Amino acid sequence: MGIARNIKIGQRLHREGHSLLAKVMKLEQKIVYCCDIPYQASIARNVHFDHNGFGCVINQRAVIEGPCEIQHAVTLGELEAGGPVPVIRKGAYIGAKATILGGLW
């Protein structure tokens, strides 16, 4: 199962109140794909994670609209706790090992 499908299933489990199953899937995601993509993040269905999102770290408040493509080892986060986080718009391409912190103008 690819990371995009894993994320969608985990999001659905989390929404439906099956938090333990969602946590198990997140643990599997961390072990198998070495990434941290929380189910609270708003990720469109047609976002493509190359190399199954290997090494990606995404803030739980991040927004990723689709379609877009994200390479491996990408970090999307905040500069300071509670600060703005990136909103990735349709058609974006984020290359390998990119780090995007804070809000974008």
Protein backbone atom coordinates (compact mmCIF):
# COMPACT_ATOMS: atom_id res chain seq x y z
CA MET A 1 0.00 0.00 0.00
CA GLY A 2 1.41 3.41 -0.96
CA ILE A 3 1.80 6.32 1.43
CA ALA A 4 -1.04 8.36 -0.13
CA ARG A 5 -3.49 5.52 0.49
CA ASN A 6 -2.13 5.02 4.00
CA ILE A 7 -2.69 8.72 4.75
CA LYS A 8 -6.27 8.68 3.45
CA ILE A 9 -7.19 5.57 5.44
CA GLY A 10 -5.60 7.04 8.57
CA GLN A 11 -7.47 10.33 8.07
CA ARG A 12 -10.77 8.47 7.74
CA LEU A 13 -10.09 6.34 10.84
CA HIS A 14 -9.14 9.47 12.80
CA ARG A 15 -12.32 11.31 11.68
CA GLU A 16 -14.52 8.35 12.58
CA GLY A 17 -13.09 8.14 16.10
CA HIS A 18 -10.91 5.04 15.65
CA SER A 19 -7.89 6.80 17.12
CA LEU A 20 -6.04 3.63 18.17
CA LEU A 21 -6.18 2.17 14.64
CA ALA A 22 -5.11 5.54 13.21
CA LYS A 23 -2.12 5.58 15.58
CA VAL A 24 -1.16 2.05 14.53
CA MET A 25 -1.25 3.10 10.87
CA LYS A 26 0.85 6.19 11.67
CA LEU A 27 3.41 3.98 13.44
CA GLU A 28 3.51 1.71 10.38
CA GLN A 29 4.00 4.80 8.21
CA LYS A 30 6.96 5.92 10.34
CA ILE A 31 8.58 2.47 10.32
CA VAL A 32 8.00 1.51 6.68
CA TYR A 33 8.31 4.92 4.96
CA CYS A 34 10.48 6.80 7.51
CA CYS A 35 8.16 9.78 7.30
CA ASP A 36 5.96 11.82 9.60
CA ILE A 37 2.76 12.90 7.85
CA PRO A 38 0.00 13.47 10.42
CA TYR A 39 -3.61 12.71 9.59
CA GLN A 40 -4.65 16.18 10.72
CA ALA A 41 -2.84 17.75 7.75
CA SER A 42 -5.13 18.78 4.92
CA ILE A 43 -3.83 16.79 1.94
CA ALA A 44 -5.84 16.55 -1.29
CA ARG A 45 -6.50 13.16 -2.85
CA ASN A 46 -4.47 13.88 -5.97
CA VAL A 47 -1.22 14.80 -4.22
CA HIS A 48 1.55 12.50 -5.44
CA PHE A 49 4.38 11.59 -3.07
CA ASP A 50 7.34 10.31 -5.09
CA HIS A 51 9.23 7.41 -3.52
CA ASN A 52 6.21 6.94 -1.19
CA GLY A 53 7.09 10.13 0.70
CA PHE A 54 10.26 8.57 2.09
CA GLY A 55 11.71 10.92 4.71
CA CYS A 56 8.96 13.58 4.46
CA VAL A 57 7.98 15.58 7.55
CA ILE A 58 4.79 17.63 7.32
CA ASN A 59 3.25 19.85 9.99
CA GLN A 60 -0.22 18.80 11.12
CA ARG A 61 -1.66 22.22 10.16
CA ALA A 62 -0.16 22.25 6.65
CA VAL A 63 -2.46 22.45 3.63
CA ILE A 64 -1.55 20.72 0.37
CA GLU A 65 -3.91 21.22 -2.56
CA GLY A 66 -3.83 18.91 -5.53
CA PRO A 67 -2.77 18.09 -8.03
CA CYS A 68 0.83 18.54 -7.00
CA GLU A 69 3.98 16.47 -6.65
CA ILE A 70 6.22 16.14 -3.62
CA GLN A 71 9.60 14.43 -3.81
CA HIS A 72 11.30 12.53 -0.97
CA ALA A 73 12.74 14.10 2.22
CA VAL A 74 10.60 17.26 2.04
CA THR A 75 9.89 19.24 5.22
CA LEU A 76 6.84 21.51 5.54
CA GLY A 77 6.62 23.21 8.92
CA GLU A 78 6.53 26.28 11.09
CA LEU A 79 9.32 28.64 12.12
CA GLU A 80 8.00 29.06 15.65
CA ALA A 81 5.47 27.13 17.70
CA GLY A 82 1.96 28.13 16.68
CA GLY A 83 3.24 30.23 13.80
CA PRO A 84 2.03 30.11 10.21
CA VAL A 85 2.57 26.97 8.16
CA PRO A 86 2.88 26.53 4.39
CA VAL A 87 -0.13 26.28 2.11
CA ILE A 88 0.91 24.45 -1.05
CA ARG A 89 -1.29 25.42 -4.00
CA LYS A 90 -2.46 23.42 -7.02
CA GLY A 91 0.18 22.48 -9.56
CA ALA A 92 3.15 22.84 -7.20
CA TYR A 93 6.25 20.73 -7.57
CA ILE A 94 8.45 20.43 -4.48
CA GLY A 95 11.87 18.94 -5.16
CA ALA A 96 13.82 16.46 -3.08
CA LYS A 97 15.06 17.62 0.32
CA ALA A 98 13.23 20.96 0.10
CA THR A 99 12.47 22.70 3.41
CA ILE A 100 9.57 25.15 3.49
CA LEU A 101 8.95 26.81 6.84
CA GLY A 102 6.36 29.39 7.87
CA GLY A 103 3.73 31.06 5.75
CA LEU A 104 4.39 31.90 2.13
CA TRP A 105 3.56 35.21 0.48
